[in-house]
Amino acid sequence: MADDATVLLFSYGTLQQDEVQLATFGRLLDGTLDALPGYRHAWLRIIDPEVIRTSGSDMHPIVTPSNDPADKVLGRLFRITPEELLAADGYEVADYRRIEVRLRSGADAWVYVRA
């Protein structure tokens, strides 16, 4: 559970990359493995040149809700500051929106899903 000075962010994609974390947060994050139940993974072509430069790719994962209860998306759960969450908002392109979800671990966290 996050305290008042931190929030929980679940990442299944490029926010797990060291170079993206350094560019976005100015530090490396220490995360724990978790899963997002009820969602499925897809791919999205990114056109923002800064995001492509930072991540090293124009193909990024994206998740959408699934009707199959067995579906889940694996990723990492990070504890970050509210300011870092705003920095993550700035990194993500308009194809994503941030929502709060309950993870397999029972933690409530923010995640970026298809807008």
N, C-alpha and C. Protein backbone atom coordinates (compact mmCIF):
# COMPACT_ATOMS: atom_id res chain seq x y z
N MET A 1 0.85 -1.18 0.00
CA MET A 1 0.00 0.00 0.00
C MET A 1 0.89 1.24 0.00
N ALA A 2 0.52 2.23 -0.76
CA ALA A 2 1.29 3.47 -0.85
C ALA A 2 1.00 4.33 0.37
N ASP A 3 2.00 5.12 0.78
CA ASP A 3 1.75 6.08 1.85
C ASP A 3 1.44 7.44 1.22
N ASP A 4 1.30 8.48 2.05
CA ASP A 4 0.90 9.80 1.54
C ASP A 4 1.91 10.39 0.57
N ALA A 5 3.18 9.99 0.68
CA ALA A 5 4.22 10.58 -0.16
C ALA A 5 4.48 9.77 -1.43
N THR A 6 3.79 8.63 -1.57
CA THR A 6 4.02 7.80 -2.75
C THR A 6 2.70 7.30 -3.33
N VAL A 7 2.77 6.91 -4.59
CA VAL A 7 1.66 6.27 -5.27
C VAL A 7 2.20 5.00 -5.92
N LEU A 8 1.30 4.10 -6.28
CA LEU A 8 1.70 2.86 -6.93
C LEU A 8 1.39 2.95 -8.42
N LEU A 9 2.36 2.56 -9.22
CA LEU A 9 2.22 2.56 -10.68
C LEU A 9 2.58 1.17 -11.19
N PHE A 10 1.68 0.57 -11.97
CA PHE A 10 1.93 -0.73 -12.60
C PHE A 10 2.37 -0.49 -14.03
N SER A 11 3.49 -1.08 -14.40
CA SER A 11 3.99 -0.97 -15.77
C SER A 11 4.15 -2.34 -16.39
N TYR A 12 3.66 -2.47 -17.61
CA TYR A 12 3.80 -3.70 -18.40
C TYR A 12 4.67 -3.43 -19.63
N GLY A 13 5.17 -2.20 -19.77
CA GLY A 13 5.86 -1.82 -21.00
C GLY A 13 7.11 -1.03 -20.77
N THR A 14 7.25 0.05 -21.54
CA THR A 14 8.52 0.76 -21.61
C THR A 14 8.91 1.47 -20.32
N LEU A 15 7.96 1.74 -19.42
CA LEU A 15 8.33 2.36 -18.14
C LEU A 15 9.14 1.41 -17.26
N GLN A 16 9.31 0.17 -17.71
CA GLN A 16 10.20 -0.77 -17.02
C GLN A 16 11.65 -0.63 -17.49
N GLN A 17 11.87 0.03 -18.63
CA GLN A 17 13.21 0.16 -19.20
C GLN A 17 14.04 1.19 -18.42
N ASP A 18 15.30 0.83 -18.16
CA ASP A 18 16.19 1.73 -17.42
C ASP A 18 16.29 3.10 -18.08
N GLU A 19 16.47 3.14 -19.41
CA GLU A 19 16.66 4.42 -20.09
C GLU A 19 15.40 5.28 -20.03
N VAL A 20 14.23 4.66 -20.05
CA VAL A 20 12.97 5.41 -19.94
C VAL A 20 12.80 5.94 -18.52
N GLN A 21 13.13 5.12 -17.53
CA GLN A 21 13.04 5.57 -16.14
C GLN A 21 13.99 6.75 -15.88
N LEU A 22 15.21 6.65 -16.36
CA LEU A 22 16.17 7.74 -16.15
C LEU A 22 15.69 9.02 -16.83
N ALA A 23 15.18 8.91 -18.05
CA ALA A 23 14.71 10.09 -18.77
C ALA A 23 13.43 10.67 -18.16
N THR A 24 12.57 9.82 -17.63
CA THR A 24 11.27 10.26 -17.12
C THR A 24 11.32 10.67 -15.65
N PHE A 25 12.03 9.89 -14.84
CA PHE A 25 12.03 10.11 -13.39
C PHE A 25 13.38 10.60 -12.84
N GLY A 26 14.43 10.50 -13.66
CA GLY A 26 15.75 10.90 -13.19
C GLY A 26 16.38 9.88 -12.26
N ARG A 27 15.81 8.68 -12.20
CA ARG A 27 16.35 7.62 -11.34
C ARG A 27 15.81 6.28 -11.83
N LEU A 28 16.45 5.21 -11.34
CA LEU A 28 15.96 3.87 -11.63
C LEU A 28 14.97 3.47 -10.54
N LEU A 29 13.90 2.81 -10.95
CA LEU A 29 12.87 2.36 -10.01
C LEU A 29 13.11 0.92 -9.61
N ASP A 30 12.74 0.59 -8.38
CA ASP A 30 12.82 -0.78 -7.89
C ASP A 30 11.40 -1.31 -7.79
N GLY A 31 11.05 -2.26 -8.64
CA GLY A 31 9.69 -2.75 -8.70
C GLY A 31 9.57 -4.21 -8.31
N THR A 32 8.33 -4.63 -8.07
CA THR A 32 8.03 -6.02 -7.76
C THR A 32 7.13 -6.58 -8.86
N LEU A 33 7.27 -7.86 -9.13
CA LEU A 33 6.45 -8.52 -10.15
C LEU A 33 4.99 -8.55 -9.69
N ASP A 34 4.08 -8.32 -10.62
CA ASP A 34 2.65 -8.38 -10.34
C ASP A 34 1.94 -8.63 -11.66
N ALA A 35 0.63 -8.67 -11.63
CA ALA A 35 -0.15 -8.91 -12.85
C ALA A 35 -1.45 -8.13 -12.79
N LEU A 36 -1.92 -7.74 -13.97
CA LEU A 36 -3.18 -7.02 -14.13
C LEU A 36 -4.20 -8.01 -14.69
N PRO A 37 -5.12 -8.50 -13.84
CA PRO A 37 -6.11 -9.47 -14.33
C PRO A 37 -7.20 -8.80 -15.16
N GLY A 38 -7.75 -9.59 -16.10
CA GLY A 38 -8.88 -9.10 -16.88
C GLY A 38 -8.52 -8.19 -18.03
N TYR A 39 -7.24 -8.14 -18.38
CA TYR A 39 -6.78 -7.32 -19.50
C TYR A 39 -5.95 -8.18 -20.44
N ARG A 40 -5.86 -7.71 -21.69
CA ARG A 40 -5.02 -8.40 -22.68
C ARG A 40 -4.06 -7.40 -23.31
N HIS A 41 -2.99 -7.92 -23.81
CA HIS A 41 -1.87 -7.15 -24.36
C HIS A 41 -2.03 -7.02 -25.87
N ALA A 42 -1.70 -5.84 -26.39
CA ALA A 42 -1.66 -5.59 -27.83
C ALA A 42 -0.46 -4.68 -28.11
N TRP A 43 -0.30 -4.31 -29.36
CA TRP A 43 0.81 -3.42 -29.75
C TRP A 43 0.27 -2.15 -30.38
N LEU A 44 0.99 -1.06 -30.17
CA LEU A 44 0.62 0.25 -30.69
C LEU A 44 1.84 0.88 -31.34
N ARG A 45 1.68 1.42 -32.54
CA ARG A 45 2.77 2.14 -33.20
C ARG A 45 2.76 3.58 -32.70
N ILE A 46 3.88 4.00 -32.13
CA ILE A 46 4.04 5.35 -31.58
C ILE A 46 4.62 6.24 -32.68
N ILE A 47 4.13 7.48 -32.76
CA ILE A 47 4.67 8.40 -33.76
C ILE A 47 5.41 9.58 -33.13
N ASP A 48 5.33 9.73 -31.80
CA ASP A 48 6.02 10.83 -31.11
C ASP A 48 7.53 10.58 -31.14
N PRO A 49 8.31 11.44 -31.83
CA PRO A 49 9.74 11.17 -31.98
C PRO A 49 10.50 11.16 -30.66
N GLU A 50 10.08 11.95 -29.69
CA GLU A 50 10.77 11.97 -28.39
C GLU A 50 10.56 10.65 -27.64
N VAL A 51 9.34 10.13 -27.67
CA VAL A 51 9.06 8.85 -27.02
C VAL A 51 9.82 7.72 -27.73
N ILE A 52 9.88 7.76 -29.04
CA ILE A 52 10.62 6.75 -29.80
C ILE A 52 12.11 6.83 -29.44
N ARG A 53 12.65 8.05 -29.37
CA ARG A 53 14.06 8.21 -29.02
C ARG A 53 14.33 7.68 -27.61
N THR A 54 13.46 8.00 -26.66
CA THR A 54 13.66 7.58 -25.27
C THR A 54 13.54 6.07 -25.12
N SER A 55 12.54 5.47 -25.76
CA SER A 55 12.29 4.04 -25.59
C SER A 55 13.11 3.16 -26.54
N GLY A 56 13.53 3.75 -27.66
CA GLY A 56 14.28 2.97 -28.65
C GLY A 56 13.42 2.21 -29.63
N SER A 57 12.10 2.45 -29.60
CA SER A 57 11.21 1.71 -30.50
C SER A 57 9.95 2.51 -30.79
N ASP A 58 9.37 2.26 -31.99
CA ASP A 58 8.09 2.88 -32.29
C ASP A 58 6.93 1.93 -31.99
N MET A 59 7.21 0.70 -31.58
CA MET A 59 6.18 -0.27 -31.20
C MET A 59 6.16 -0.41 -29.68
N HIS A 60 5.02 -0.07 -29.08
CA HIS A 60 4.88 -0.12 -27.63
C HIS A 60 3.70 -1.01 -27.26
N PRO A 61 3.81 -1.72 -26.14
CA PRO A 61 2.66 -2.49 -25.68
C PRO A 61 1.55 -1.57 -25.18
N ILE A 62 0.33 -2.06 -25.28
CA ILE A 62 -0.84 -1.35 -24.75
C ILE A 62 -1.80 -2.44 -24.28
N VAL A 63 -2.64 -2.12 -23.29
CA VAL A 63 -3.58 -3.12 -22.80
C VAL A 63 -5.01 -2.61 -22.93
N THR A 64 -5.92 -3.58 -23.10
CA THR A 64 -7.35 -3.29 -23.17
C THR A 64 -8.08 -4.32 -22.32
N PRO A 65 -9.27 -3.98 -21.81
CA PRO A 65 -10.04 -4.96 -21.03
C PRO A 65 -10.37 -6.19 -21.88
N SER A 66 -10.45 -7.32 -21.21
CA SER A 66 -10.75 -8.58 -21.88
C SER A 66 -12.02 -9.18 -21.29
N ASN A 67 -12.75 -9.92 -22.10
CA ASN A 67 -13.92 -10.65 -21.62
C ASN A 67 -13.54 -12.01 -21.06
N ASP A 68 -12.27 -12.40 -21.21
CA ASP A 68 -11.80 -13.70 -20.73
C ASP A 68 -11.21 -13.52 -19.34
N PRO A 69 -11.83 -14.09 -18.30
CA PRO A 69 -11.32 -13.91 -16.94
C PRO A 69 -9.94 -14.52 -16.72
N ALA A 70 -9.51 -15.39 -17.63
CA ALA A 70 -8.17 -15.98 -17.50
C ALA A 70 -7.07 -15.04 -18.01
N ASP A 71 -7.45 -14.00 -18.77
CA ASP A 71 -6.45 -13.08 -19.30
C ASP A 71 -5.81 -12.26 -18.18
N LYS A 72 -4.53 -12.02 -18.34
CA LYS A 72 -3.80 -11.15 -17.41
C LYS A 72 -2.58 -10.60 -18.14
N VAL A 73 -2.11 -9.46 -17.66
CA VAL A 73 -0.92 -8.82 -18.21
C VAL A 73 0.12 -8.78 -17.11
N LEU A 74 1.30 -9.32 -17.39
CA LEU A 74 2.39 -9.32 -16.42
C LEU A 74 3.15 -8.01 -16.47
N GLY A 75 3.68 -7.60 -15.34
CA GLY A 75 4.46 -6.37 -15.29
C GLY A 75 5.08 -6.16 -13.92
N ARG A 76 5.44 -4.92 -13.66
CA ARG A 76 6.08 -4.56 -12.39
C ARG A 76 5.30 -3.44 -11.72
N LEU A 77 5.28 -3.52 -10.40
CA LEU A 77 4.62 -2.52 -9.56
C LEU A 77 5.70 -1.63 -8.96
N PHE A 78 5.59 -0.34 -9.20
CA PHE A 78 6.56 0.63 -8.72
C PHE A 78 5.92 1.58 -7.71
N ARG A 79 6.68 1.97 -6.71
CA ARG A 79 6.28 3.00 -5.75
C ARG A 79 6.99 4.28 -6.18
N ILE A 80 6.21 5.30 -6.54
CA ILE A 80 6.77 6.56 -7.03
C ILE A 80 6.10 7.74 -6.32
N THR A 81 6.64 8.92 -6.53
CA THR A 81 6.05 10.11 -5.92
C THR A 81 4.92 10.64 -6.81
N PRO A 82 4.04 11.45 -6.26
CA PRO A 82 3.00 12.07 -7.10
C PRO A 82 3.61 12.89 -8.24
N GLU A 83 4.73 13.54 -8.01
CA GLU A 83 5.40 14.31 -9.07
C GLU A 83 5.90 13.38 -10.17
N GLU A 84 6.40 12.21 -9.80
CA GLU A 84 6.85 11.25 -10.80
C GLU A 84 5.68 10.69 -11.60
N LEU A 85 4.52 10.55 -10.95
CA LEU A 85 3.33 10.11 -11.69
C LEU A 85 2.96 11.14 -12.76
N LEU A 86 3.07 12.40 -12.43
CA LEU A 86 2.81 13.45 -13.43
C LEU A 86 3.85 13.40 -14.55
N ALA A 87 5.10 13.07 -14.22
CA ALA A 87 6.13 12.92 -15.25
C ALA A 87 5.79 11.74 -16.16
N ALA A 88 5.27 10.66 -15.60
CA ALA A 88 4.85 9.51 -16.41
C ALA A 88 3.70 9.91 -17.33
N ASP A 89 2.77 10.73 -16.82
CA ASP A 89 1.68 11.23 -17.67
C ASP A 89 2.25 11.98 -18.88
N GLY A 90 3.31 12.74 -18.65
CA GLY A 90 3.93 13.50 -19.73
C GLY A 90 4.64 12.62 -20.75
N TYR A 91 5.13 11.47 -20.30
CA TYR A 91 5.82 10.53 -21.20
C TYR A 91 4.81 9.80 -22.09
N GLU A 92 3.69 9.40 -21.53
CA GLU A 92 2.71 8.60 -22.28
C GLU A 92 2.02 9.47 -23.34
N VAL A 93 1.81 8.89 -24.52
CA VAL A 93 1.15 9.62 -25.61
C VAL A 93 -0.37 9.56 -25.44
N ALA A 94 -1.09 10.30 -26.26
CA ALA A 94 -2.54 10.44 -26.12
C ALA A 94 -3.31 9.14 -26.34
N ASP A 95 -2.67 8.11 -26.88
CA ASP A 95 -3.34 6.82 -27.08
C ASP A 95 -3.57 6.09 -25.77
N TYR A 96 -2.93 6.56 -24.70
CA TYR A 96 -3.04 5.95 -23.38
C TYR A 96 -3.81 6.87 -22.44
N ARG A 97 -4.52 6.26 -21.49
CA ARG A 97 -5.11 7.02 -20.39
C ARG A 97 -4.80 6.28 -19.10
N ARG A 98 -4.70 7.03 -18.02
CA ARG A 98 -4.34 6.44 -16.73
C ARG A 98 -5.60 6.16 -15.93
N ILE A 99 -5.70 4.91 -15.43
CA ILE A 99 -6.82 4.52 -14.59
C ILE A 99 -6.28 3.80 -13.36
N GLU A 100 -7.11 3.69 -12.34
CA GLU A 100 -6.72 2.94 -11.15
C GLU A 100 -7.32 1.54 -11.24
N VAL A 101 -6.52 0.53 -10.91
CA VAL A 101 -6.94 -0.87 -11.02
C VAL A 101 -6.51 -1.62 -9.76
N ARG A 102 -7.09 -2.80 -9.59
CA ARG A 102 -6.65 -3.72 -8.53
C ARG A 102 -5.84 -4.82 -9.21
N LEU A 103 -4.63 -5.02 -8.72
CA LEU A 103 -3.73 -6.02 -9.29
C LEU A 103 -3.92 -7.38 -8.63
N ARG A 104 -3.30 -8.40 -9.20
CA ARG A 104 -3.40 -9.76 -8.67
C ARG A 104 -2.98 -9.80 -7.20
N SER A 105 -1.99 -8.98 -6.83
CA SER A 105 -1.49 -8.94 -5.45
C SER A 105 -2.49 -8.33 -4.47
N GLY A 106 -3.53 -7.68 -5.00
CA GLY A 106 -4.48 -6.96 -4.16
C GLY A 106 -4.18 -5.48 -4.05
N ALA A 107 -3.03 -5.05 -4.58
CA ALA A 107 -2.66 -3.62 -4.53
C ALA A 107 -3.51 -2.83 -5.53
N ASP A 108 -3.88 -1.63 -5.13
CA ASP A 108 -4.54 -0.70 -6.02
C ASP A 108 -3.48 0.22 -6.60
N ALA A 109 -3.40 0.30 -7.91
CA ALA A 109 -2.33 1.04 -8.58
C ALA A 109 -2.86 1.72 -9.82
N TRP A 110 -2.12 2.73 -10.27
CA TRP A 110 -2.37 3.39 -11.53
C TRP A 110 -1.76 2.56 -12.65
N VAL A 111 -2.40 2.56 -13.81
CA VAL A 111 -1.88 1.89 -14.99
C VAL A 111 -2.36 2.66 -16.21
N TYR A 112 -1.58 2.61 -17.28
CA TYR A 112 -1.96 3.24 -18.55
C TYR A 112 -2.57 2.18 -19.46
N VAL A 113 -3.80 2.45 -19.92
CA VAL A 113 -4.53 1.54 -20.80
C VAL A 113 -4.88 2.28 -22.09
N ARG A 114 -5.42 1.56 -23.06
CA ARG A 114 -5.83 2.20 -24.32
C ARG A 114 -6.88 3.28 -24.04
N ALA A 115 -6.65 4.46 -24.59
CA ALA A 115 -7.58 5.59 -24.37
C ALA A 115 -8.89 5.36 -25.10
